[in-house]
Protein backbone atom coordinates (compact mmCIF):
# COMPACT_ATOMS: atom_id res chain seq x y z
CA UNK A 1 20.09 12.45 37.14
CA UNK A 2 22.72 10.30 36.12
CA UNK A 3 23.75 10.75 32.68
CA UNK A 4 22.01 8.87 30.10
CA UNK A 5 23.80 6.70 27.66
CA UNK A 6 23.37 7.89 23.91
CA UNK A 7 22.86 11.26 24.85
CA UNK A 8 25.25 14.01 23.92
CA UNK A 9 23.30 16.44 26.28
CA UNK A 10 21.99 18.68 23.32
CA UNK A 11 19.29 21.01 24.51
CA UNK A 12 15.67 20.50 22.89
CA UNK A 13 15.94 23.74 20.81
CA UNK A 14 19.65 22.74 19.67
CA UNK A 15 17.86 19.02 18.22
CA UNK A 16 15.21 20.90 16.80
CA UNK A 17 17.72 23.05 14.69
CA UNK A 18 19.68 19.82 13.71
CA UNK A 19 16.43 18.21 12.77
CA UNK A 20 14.94 20.88 10.82
CA UNK A 21 18.37 20.88 8.41
CA UNK A 22 18.74 17.39 8.32
CA UNK A 23 15.40 15.38 8.64
CA UNK A 24 12.70 15.73 6.37
CA UNK A 25 9.88 18.43 6.78
CA UNK A 26 7.21 15.78 6.36
CA UNK A 27 8.34 14.08 9.65
CA UNK A 28 6.26 15.89 12.80
CA UNK A 29 6.94 16.57 16.56
CA UNK A 30 4.38 16.25 19.56
CA UNK A 31 3.21 19.15 21.20
CA UNK A 32 3.89 23.05 20.77
CA UNK A 33 6.94 22.63 22.94
CA UNK A 34 8.09 19.24 22.14
CA UNK A 35 9.63 16.87 24.59
CA UNK A 36 13.43 15.30 24.72
CA UNK A 37 12.28 11.76 25.92
CA UNK A 38 15.69 9.74 26.94
CA UNK A 39 14.33 7.37 28.90
CA UNK A 40 11.52 4.92 29.32
CA UNK A 41 10.31 2.62 32.24
CA UNK A 42 7.25 0.52 31.90
CA UNK A 43 3.97 3.31 31.65
CA UNK A 44 6.61 6.34 31.80
CA UNK A 45 8.60 8.15 29.86
CA UNK A 46 11.22 10.50 30.82
CA UNK A 47 12.77 13.50 29.45
CA UNK A 48 16.04 15.23 29.98
CA UNK A 49 15.52 16.92 33.07
CA UNK A 50 14.64 13.71 34.82
CA UNK A 51 10.66 14.73 34.71
CA UNK A 52 8.36 11.55 34.34
CA UNK A 53 5.51 11.92 32.12
CA UNK A 54 2.58 8.75 32.37
CA UNK A 55 2.17 7.47 29.23
CA UNK A 56 -1.21 6.82 27.71
CA UNK A 57 -0.61 6.65 23.96
CA UNK A 58 2.44 4.41 23.27
CA UNK A 59 0.99 0.91 22.17
CA UNK A 60 4.26 0.05 20.84
CA UNK A 61 5.96 -0.85 23.95
CA UNK A 62 3.23 -3.11 25.01
CA UNK A 63 4.14 -4.68 27.93
CA UNK A 64 6.13 -1.29 29.22
CA UNK A 65 8.99 0.75 27.85
CA UNK A 66 12.20 -1.17 28.31
CA UNK A 67 10.61 -4.26 29.72
CA UNK A 68 13.50 -6.09 31.68
CA UNK A 69 12.44 -9.47 30.50
CA UNK A 70 12.41 -8.28 26.81
CA UNK A 71 15.26 -6.04 26.84
CA UNK A 72 17.32 -9.24 28.23
CA UNK A 73 16.24 -11.73 26.13
CA UNK A 74 17.40 -9.16 23.27
CA UNK A 75 21.03 -8.72 24.90
CA UNK A 76 21.70 -12.25 25.44
CA UNK A 77 20.67 -13.54 21.65
CA UNK A 78 22.47 -10.77 19.88
CA UNK A 79 25.50 -11.33 21.89
CA UNK A 80 25.34 -14.62 20.26
CA UNK A 81 24.08 -14.90 16.77
CA UNK A 82 21.90 -12.85 14.39
CA UNK A 83 21.69 -14.13 11.06
CA UNK A 84 18.31 -15.01 8.86
CA UNK A 85 15.57 -17.57 8.03
CA UNK A 86 18.11 -19.58 5.29
CA UNK A 87 19.38 -20.99 8.45
CA UNK A 88 18.18 -23.30 10.76
CA UNK A 89 17.45 -22.09 14.41
CA UNK A 90 15.43 -22.91 17.32
CA UNK A 91 14.18 -19.47 17.82
CA UNK A 92 12.41 -18.99 14.53
CA UNK A 93 10.40 -22.48 14.54
CA UNK A 94 10.00 -22.07 18.28
CA UNK A 95 8.29 -18.43 17.91
CA UNK A 96 6.29 -19.52 14.70
CA UNK A 97 4.86 -22.33 16.78
CA UNK A 98 3.92 -20.18 19.89
CA UNK A 99 2.63 -17.29 17.66
CA UNK A 100 0.17 -19.26 15.59
CA UNK A 101 -0.83 -21.22 18.52
CA UNK A 102 -2.32 -17.77 20.01
CA UNK A 103 -4.62 -17.60 16.66
CA UNK A 104 -7.55 -19.51 15.52
CA UNK A 105 -7.28 -22.53 13.17
CA UNK A 106 -6.56 -22.49 10.23
CA UNK A 107 -4.15 -19.42 10.41
CA UNK A 108 -1.03 -21.37 11.30
CA UNK A 109 1.36 -20.02 8.64
CA UNK A 110 3.75 -17.14 9.24
CA UNK A 111 5.79 -14.87 7.26
CA UNK A 112 7.42 -12.30 9.42
CA UNK A 113 8.75 -9.09 8.29
CA UNK A 114 9.98 -5.73 10.22
CA UNK A 115 6.92 -3.46 10.51
CA UNK A 116 3.42 -2.95 10.06
CA UNK A 117 3.75 -1.71 6.74
CA UNK A 118 5.21 -4.52 5.34
CA UNK A 119 2.81 -6.69 6.77
CA UNK A 120 0.04 -5.07 5.15
CA UNK A 121 2.15 -4.79 1.64
CA UNK A 122 3.10 -8.83 1.96
CA UNK A 123 -1.05 -9.33 2.74
CA UNK A 124 -1.88 -7.77 -0.35
CA UNK A 125 0.35 -9.90 -2.31
CA UNK A 126 -1.11 -12.72 -0.92
CA UNK A 127 -4.30 -12.04 -1.60
CA UNK A 128 -3.70 -10.98 -5.09
CA UNK A 129 -1.69 -14.18 -6.03
CA UNK A 130 -4.14 -16.50 -4.33
CA UNK A 131 -7.50 -15.19 -5.69
CA UNK A 132 -6.01 -13.64 -9.12
CA UNK A 133 -7.77 -10.31 -8.76
CA UNK A 134 -6.52 -6.83 -7.81
CA UNK A 135 -9.59 -5.21 -6.44
CA UNK A 136 -9.85 -4.32 -2.68
CA UNK A 137 -12.51 -3.24 -0.60
CA UNK A 138 -11.25 -0.74 2.27
CA UNK A 139 -13.37 1.19 5.07
CA UNK A 140 -13.15 4.98 4.71
CA UNK A 141 -10.55 6.79 6.91
CA UNK A 142 -9.07 3.18 7.51
CA UNK A 143 -4.91 3.84 7.80
CA UNK A 144 -2.82 0.56 6.91
CA UNK A 145 1.01 2.22 6.57
CA UNK A 146 2.98 4.12 4.84
CA UNK A 147 4.57 2.00 1.49
CA UNK A 148 3.24 3.36 -1.79
CA UNK A 149 0.59 0.41 -2.32
CA UNK A 150 -0.64 0.53 1.63
CA UNK A 151 -1.07 4.46 1.23
CA UNK A 152 -3.17 3.35 -1.97
CA UNK A 153 -5.46 1.36 0.45
CA UNK A 154 -5.71 3.90 3.56
CA UNK A 155 -8.11 6.83 3.15
CA UNK A 156 -6.93 8.30 6.16
CA UNK A 157 -3.56 8.84 3.54
CA UNK A 158 -5.05 9.55 0.08
CA UNK A 159 -8.00 11.58 1.28
CA UNK A 160 -5.80 13.42 3.33
CA UNK A 161 -3.20 16.57 2.47
CA UNK A 162 -1.09 15.43 -0.05
CA UNK A 163 -3.02 12.58 -1.00
CA UNK A 164 -4.64 11.82 -4.58
CA UNK A 165 -7.78 10.36 -4.06
CA UNK A 166 -8.53 6.21 -4.29
CA UNK A 167 -6.81 4.51 -7.11
CA UNK A 168 -9.11 2.60 -9.46
CA UNK A 169 -8.46 -0.78 -7.56
CA UNK A 170 -9.75 0.45 -4.31
CA UNK A 171 -13.27 0.91 -3.12
CA UNK A 172 -14.26 2.69 -0.19
CA UNK A 173 -17.10 1.04 2.05
CA UNK A 174 -18.81 3.68 4.63
CA UNK A 175 -17.08 3.61 8.29
CA UNK A 176 -19.63 1.41 10.73
CA UNK A 177 -19.26 4.74 13.24
CA UNK A 178 -22.37 4.26 15.52
CA UNK A 179 -21.76 8.13 16.94
CA UNK A 180 -21.51 10.30 13.89
CA UNK A 181 -22.75 7.60 11.27
CA UNK A 182 -26.81 6.85 10.13
CA UNK A 183 -26.89 3.99 12.46
CA UNK A 184 -26.79 4.21 16.01
CA UNK A 185 -25.50 2.49 19.32
CA UNK A 186 -29.34 1.61 20.06
CA UNK A 187 -29.94 -0.16 16.90
CA UNK A 188 -29.37 -3.92 16.88
CA UNK A 189 -29.18 -4.07 13.22
CA UNK A 190 -26.61 -1.37 13.04
CA UNK A 191 -23.95 -3.82 11.69
CA UNK A 192 -25.58 -5.52 9.22
CA UNK A 193 -26.80 -2.27 7.96
CA UNK A 194 -23.30 -1.02 7.73
CA UNK A 195 -22.09 -4.17 6.04
CA UNK A 196 -24.44 -3.79 3.42
CA UNK A 197 -22.21 -1.08 1.74
CA UNK A 198 -19.65 -3.74 1.47
CA UNK A 199 -21.96 -5.81 -0.37
CA UNK A 200 -22.87 -2.81 -2.73
CA UNK A 201 -19.15 -2.45 -3.57
CA UNK A 202 -19.11 -6.02 -4.20
CA UNK A 203 -22.46 -6.21 -6.59
CA UNK A 204 -20.91 -3.19 -8.46
CA UNK A 205 -17.51 -5.14 -9.24
CA UNK A 206 -19.67 -8.01 -9.82
CA UNK A 207 -21.08 -6.03 -12.77
CA UNK A 208 -18.19 -5.15 -14.08
CA UNK A 209 -17.01 -8.81 -14.45
CA UNK A 210 -14.64 -8.12 -11.51
CA UNK A 211 -14.21 -9.83 -7.88
CA UNK A 212 -12.47 -8.32 -5.23
CA UNK A 213 -8.99 -9.86 -4.34
CA UNK A 214 -9.86 -8.92 -0.45
CA UNK A 215 -11.51 -6.90 2.38
CA UNK A 216 -8.92 -5.58 4.44
CA UNK A 217 -9.85 -3.53 8.16
CA UNK A 218 -8.43 -2.62 11.20
CA UNK A 219 -10.04 -4.67 13.65
CA UNK A 220 -10.60 -1.43 15.49
CA UNK A 221 -10.20 1.73 13.64
CA UNK A 222 -7.26 3.74 15.02
CA UNK A 223 -6.62 6.96 13.37
CA UNK A 224 -10.50 7.09 12.27
CA UNK A 225 -10.99 7.72 16.17
CA UNK A 226 -10.96 4.63 17.77
CA UNK A 227 -13.97 2.93 16.15
CA UNK A 228 -15.61 0.05 17.29
CA UNK A 229 -17.72 -2.33 14.96
CA UNK A 230 -21.39 -3.00 15.71
CA UNK A 231 -21.91 -6.47 16.14
CA UNK A 232 -22.49 -8.54 13.24
CA UNK A 233 -20.34 -6.15 10.87
CA UNK A 234 -17.39 -8.08 9.95
CA UNK A 235 -19.64 -11.65 10.39
CA UNK A 236 -21.73 -9.95 7.04
CA UNK A 237 -18.79 -8.21 5.45
CA UNK A 238 -16.68 -11.46 5.62
CA UNK A 239 -19.94 -13.10 4.15
CA UNK A 240 -20.30 -11.02 1.29
CA UNK A 241 -16.58 -10.97 0.30
CA UNK A 242 -16.00 -14.61 0.29
CA UNK A 243 -19.41 -15.49 -1.77
CA UNK A 244 -17.76 -13.10 -4.15
CA UNK A 245 -14.44 -14.84 -4.16
CA UNK A 246 -12.21 -12.55 -2.20
CA UNK A 247 -10.71 -12.85 0.79
CA UNK A 248 -10.57 -11.53 3.94
CA UNK A 249 -7.55 -9.37 5.91
CA UNK A 250 -7.63 -8.45 9.44
CA UNK A 251 -5.11 -5.89 10.47
CA UNK A 252 -4.43 -6.27 13.84
CA UNK A 253 -1.26 -3.99 13.81
CA UNK A 254 -2.51 -1.42 16.27
CA UNK A 255 -4.70 -3.80 18.81
CA UNK A 256 -3.86 -7.33 19.12
CA UNK A 257 -2.23 -8.99 21.58
CA UNK A 258 -4.45 -9.00 24.40
CA UNK A 259 -5.29 -4.93 24.60
CA UNK A 260 -9.29 -5.40 24.12
CA UNK A 261 -9.40 -7.55 27.52
CA UNK A 262 -11.69 -10.17 26.57
CA UNK A 263 -9.68 -11.50 23.38
CA UNK A 264 -6.26 -12.06 22.34
CA UNK A 265 -7.38 -10.60 19.02
CA UNK A 266 -9.52 -7.75 18.28
CA UNK A 267 -11.40 -9.45 15.59
CA UNK A 268 -12.49 -12.35 17.82
CA UNK A 269 -14.77 -9.88 19.42
CA UNK A 270 -16.86 -10.17 16.24
CA UNK A 271 -16.86 -13.83 16.43
CA UNK A 272 -14.83 -14.28 12.62
CA UNK A 273 -11.96 -15.66 11.74
CA UNK A 274 -9.77 -13.93 8.78
CA UNK A 275 -7.97 -15.55 5.98
CA UNK A 276 -5.26 -13.29 6.31
CA UNK A 277 -4.09 -11.57 9.81
CA UNK A 278 -1.20 -8.61 9.92
CA UNK A 279 0.57 -7.98 13.19
CA UNK A 280 3.13 -5.00 14.11
CA UNK A 281 3.91 -2.48 16.62
CA UNK A 282 3.47 -4.49 20.07
CA UNK A 283 4.77 -7.34 18.61
CA UNK A 284 8.13 -6.61 19.60
CA UNK A 285 7.62 -4.13 22.37
CA UNK A 286 9.63 -1.67 20.16
CA UNK A 287 12.04 -3.64 18.39
CA UNK A 288 11.22 -3.86 14.42
CA UNK A 289 8.93 -7.11 14.42
CA UNK A 290 6.35 -7.68 12.48
CA UNK A 291 4.14 -10.94 10.85
CA UNK A 292 1.55 -12.12 8.62
CA UNK A 293 -0.30 -14.87 9.68
CA UNK A 294 -2.20 -16.98 7.15
CA UNK A 295 -3.92 -20.43 6.28
CA UNK A 296 -1.76 -23.42 4.66
CA UNK A 297 -3.93 -22.72 1.31
CA UNK A 298 -3.11 -19.33 0.95
CA UNK A 299 0.45 -19.70 2.02
CA UNK A 300 0.84 -22.48 -0.64
CA UNK A 301 -0.66 -20.66 -3.55
CA UNK A 302 1.84 -17.80 -2.90
CA UNK A 303 4.52 -20.81 -3.08
CA UNK A 304 4.31 -20.05 -7.07
CA UNK A 305 8.07 -20.56 -7.81
CA UNK A 306 9.14 -17.04 -7.01
CA UNK A 307 11.15 -16.95 -3.83
CA UNK A 308 9.86 -14.55 -0.89
CA UNK A 309 12.67 -13.78 1.29
CA UNK A 310 12.96 -11.00 3.85
CA UNK A 311 16.80 -10.24 4.98
CA UNK A 312 15.63 -9.47 9.04
CA UNK A 313 12.32 -10.81 9.19
CA UNK A 314 12.22 -13.09 11.70
CA UNK A 315 16.07 -13.14 12.92
CA UNK A 316 16.85 -14.92 15.87
CA UNK A 317 17.12 -11.90 17.59
CA UNK A 318 13.80 -10.71 16.75
CA UNK A 319 12.03 -14.20 17.48
CA UNK A 320 13.76 -14.02 20.87
CA UNK A 321 12.06 -10.72 21.61
CA UNK A 322 8.87 -11.68 20.18
CA UNK A 323 8.99 -14.79 22.61
CA UNK A 324 9.97 -12.64 25.39
CA UNK A 325 6.89 -10.64 24.69
CA UNK A 326 4.52 -13.49 24.60
CA UNK A 327 6.27 -14.89 27.85
CA UNK A 328 5.47 -11.22 29.68
CA UNK A 329 1.75 -10.89 28.85
CA UNK A 330 1.01 -14.69 29.67
CA UNK A 331 2.89 -14.70 33.02
CA UNK A 332 2.20 -11.07 34.19
CA UNK A 333 -1.66 -11.63 33.16
CA UNK A 334 -1.58 -8.23 30.74
CA UNK A 335 -5.04 -9.44 28.77
CA UNK A 336 -6.27 -9.88 32.27
CA UNK A 337 -4.99 -6.68 33.21
CA UNK A 338 -6.38 -4.79 30.35
CA UNK A 339 -9.86 -5.92 30.83
CA UNK A 340 -9.77 -4.99 34.72
CA UNK A 341 -8.12 -1.58 34.20
CA UNK A 342 -10.22 -1.12 30.90
CA UNK A 343 -13.40 -1.43 32.72
CA UNK A 344 -12.56 0.53 35.72
CA UNK A 345 -10.96 3.36 33.56
CA UNK A 346 -14.34 3.53 31.07
CA UNK A 347 -16.80 3.94 34.20
CA UNK A 348 -14.98 6.55 35.47
CA UNK A 349 -15.06 8.25 31.84
CA UNK A 350 -18.56 7.63 31.77
CA UNK A 351 -18.91 9.39 35.22
CA UNK A 352 -16.76 12.31 33.76
CA UNK A 353 -18.66 12.63 30.82
CA UNK A 354 -21.91 13.22 32.99
CA UNK A 355 -19.88 16.30 34.20
CA UNK A 356 -18.55 17.84 31.54
CA UNK A 357 -20.87 18.51 28.36
CA UNK A 358 -17.92 18.59 26.32
CA UNK A 359 -17.16 15.22 26.00
CA UNK A 360 -19.80 13.56 23.29
CA UNK A 361 -18.63 10.02 23.58
CA UNK A 362 -16.63 7.24 25.53
CA UNK A 363 -16.03 4.46 23.38
CA UNK A 364 -13.36 1.31 23.96
CA UNK A 365 -12.70 -1.97 25.11
CA UNK A 366 -9.70 -2.90 27.25
CA UNK A 367 -6.89 -0.70 26.85
CA UNK A 368 -8.05 1.06 23.66
CA UNK A 369 -10.42 4.01 24.00
CA UNK A 370 -11.32 7.10 22.43
CA UNK A 371 -12.76 9.95 24.21
CA UNK A 372 -14.68 12.27 21.56
CA UNK A 373 -15.16 15.76 22.01
CA UNK A 374 -17.85 17.87 20.65
CA UNK A 375 -19.24 21.49 21.33
CA UNK A 376 -23.10 20.43 20.75
CA UNK A 377 -24.05 16.80 21.68
CA UNK A 378 -27.19 17.18 19.67
CA UNK A 379 -25.24 18.62 16.44
CA UNK A 380 -22.07 16.99 17.23
CA UNK A 381 -19.97 19.76 15.99
CA UNK A 382 -16.13 18.58 16.82
CA UNK A 383 -14.47 20.46 19.38
CA UNK A 384 -11.02 20.45 17.73
CA UNK A 385 -9.28 23.47 19.22
CA UNK A 386 -10.56 22.31 23.19
CA UNK A 387 -9.04 18.72 21.94
CA UNK A 388 -5.72 19.93 21.34
CA UNK A 389 -5.87 22.09 24.47
CA UNK A 390 -6.69 19.17 26.64
CA UNK A 391 -3.75 17.09 24.96
CA UNK A 392 -1.41 19.97 25.59
CA UNK A 393 -2.31 20.46 29.21
CA UNK A 394 -2.07 16.72 29.85
CA UNK A 395 1.50 17.14 28.73
CA UNK A 396 1.84 20.11 31.16
CA UNK A 397 0.49 17.95 34.02
CA UNK A 398 3.01 14.75 33.00
CA UNK A 399 0.63 12.90 31.13
CA UNK A 400 1.15 11.95 27.73
CA UNK A 401 -2.09 12.12 25.78
CA UNK A 402 -2.63 12.76 21.80
CA UNK A 403 -5.42 13.60 19.38
CA UNK A 404 -6.97 11.21 16.76
CA UNK A 405 -9.81 10.74 14.05
CA UNK A 406 -11.32 12.73 11.02
CA UNK A 407 -11.88 15.99 12.70
CA UNK A 408 -8.92 15.52 15.31
CA UNK A 409 -11.40 15.82 18.18
CA UNK A 410 -10.59 12.33 19.67
CA UNK A 411 -8.68 11.87 22.64
CA UNK A 412 -6.70 8.63 22.06
CA UNK A 413 -5.87 5.98 24.99
CA UNK A 414 -3.84 3.10 24.05
CA UNK A 415 -0.91 2.97 27.17
CA UNK A 416 1.48 0.30 27.95
CA UNK A 417 -0.27 -2.98 29.00
CA UNK A 418 1.04 -2.63 32.47
CA UNK A 419 -1.39 0.42 33.28
CA UNK A 420 -3.05 0.49 36.57
CA UNK A 421 -6.22 1.63 38.40
CA UNK A 422 -4.13 3.98 40.26
CA UNK A 423 -2.87 5.48 36.96
CA UNK A 424 -6.46 5.36 35.48
CA UNK A 425 -7.42 7.72 38.61
CA UNK A 426 -4.90 10.20 37.90
CA UNK A 427 -5.20 10.05 34.17
CA UNK A 428 -9.53 10.87 34.62
CA UNK A 429 -8.93 13.35 37.86
CA UNK A 430 -5.87 15.43 36.06
CA UNK A 431 -8.20 15.42 32.64
CA UNK A 432 -11.46 16.41 34.86
CA UNK A 433 -9.28 19.69 36.06
CA UNK A 434 -8.56 20.47 32.64
CA UNK A 435 -12.05 20.22 31.20
CA UNK A 436 -13.44 22.54 34.11
CA UNK A 437 -10.92 25.21 32.58
CA UNK A 438 -12.39 25.24 29.63
CA UNK A 439 -15.25 27.62 28.97
């Protein structure tokens, strides 16, 4: 294998020793025997020995690892200029136009930042400033990022190890999980019933003389186990929140840009238009780029005399890369691919479910799917050890996957959007063989 630029030739064991000394111990690595990844190309990652791995979990590299058009766009702009939004530049305004054109009206004003955490932090500021209120409604098990304010609205963090619980201004609605929750897939009113908990929180706030600043939600819940909302859930929740004077924030950091296949944005599957949308991860295909999109009304209320400036947010290089990502999604018809391949894969996984009782649920849309493993389909006891076993064995067979969910028993699937039906066949056939190993 040719020498990889930037690789010093350290062994995985040597790297682990250096990490132990110089990187914070709160950082984790994937797999019992961690991989040294030195190269990426489309839906594949390569380790230091040259072995290829099919990547089914890195949704950040949305249009493919090191997509040549995205790489070229960044290289060309970086060779000419990189500055900030205090100077006029074509890339910045062209990207703002292109990005907002992909969203429904009246979402037409951009704030560019560098990460999903930053985007959600700014979204909270916009909501507080616009409503002059401080309370937030969130969904249990949600995750929105890793800054202080965002950990405070992320039950996945504040209820998890090292967390201190919900602060007084944050209020948890029950998760609308039709597999484990009170209202199931076969209940046509499940969405409205789950949304009643948002109404309950709003009513309690009103009794205290308060109004929520916002209801913030992932459009599809990720670390909660790839939870898809039942029909009308967001529609009803939005109605309650807006009647109380709050705004609605859709966190599309994990699932935006055509991943669901049927729509560009996952919130569109619920027939709603948020007041604020946050974007991150796939927006820059691995480059640190994120955005907040909102309405002119909310943006104007934020223009209160305190300037908002972000040193790196919306720089010409980032915008060139963002434009290239949009171009590739359009030109290579990746949203259509997500729909086609996602439907094919989900059907094959449902067939696999008939062969293996360990699979309790297959849920998903497009190239965002969760496979929940249980020891018993009646009691729904989580098959935690088995889920980790599958993930480790898949890696040994050359496929990268991971576990998620409150019990860590959900195999998550969110690959680069260039994933093919042949890749799907390999994924399912490999999993079939591994599940057969489990007695």
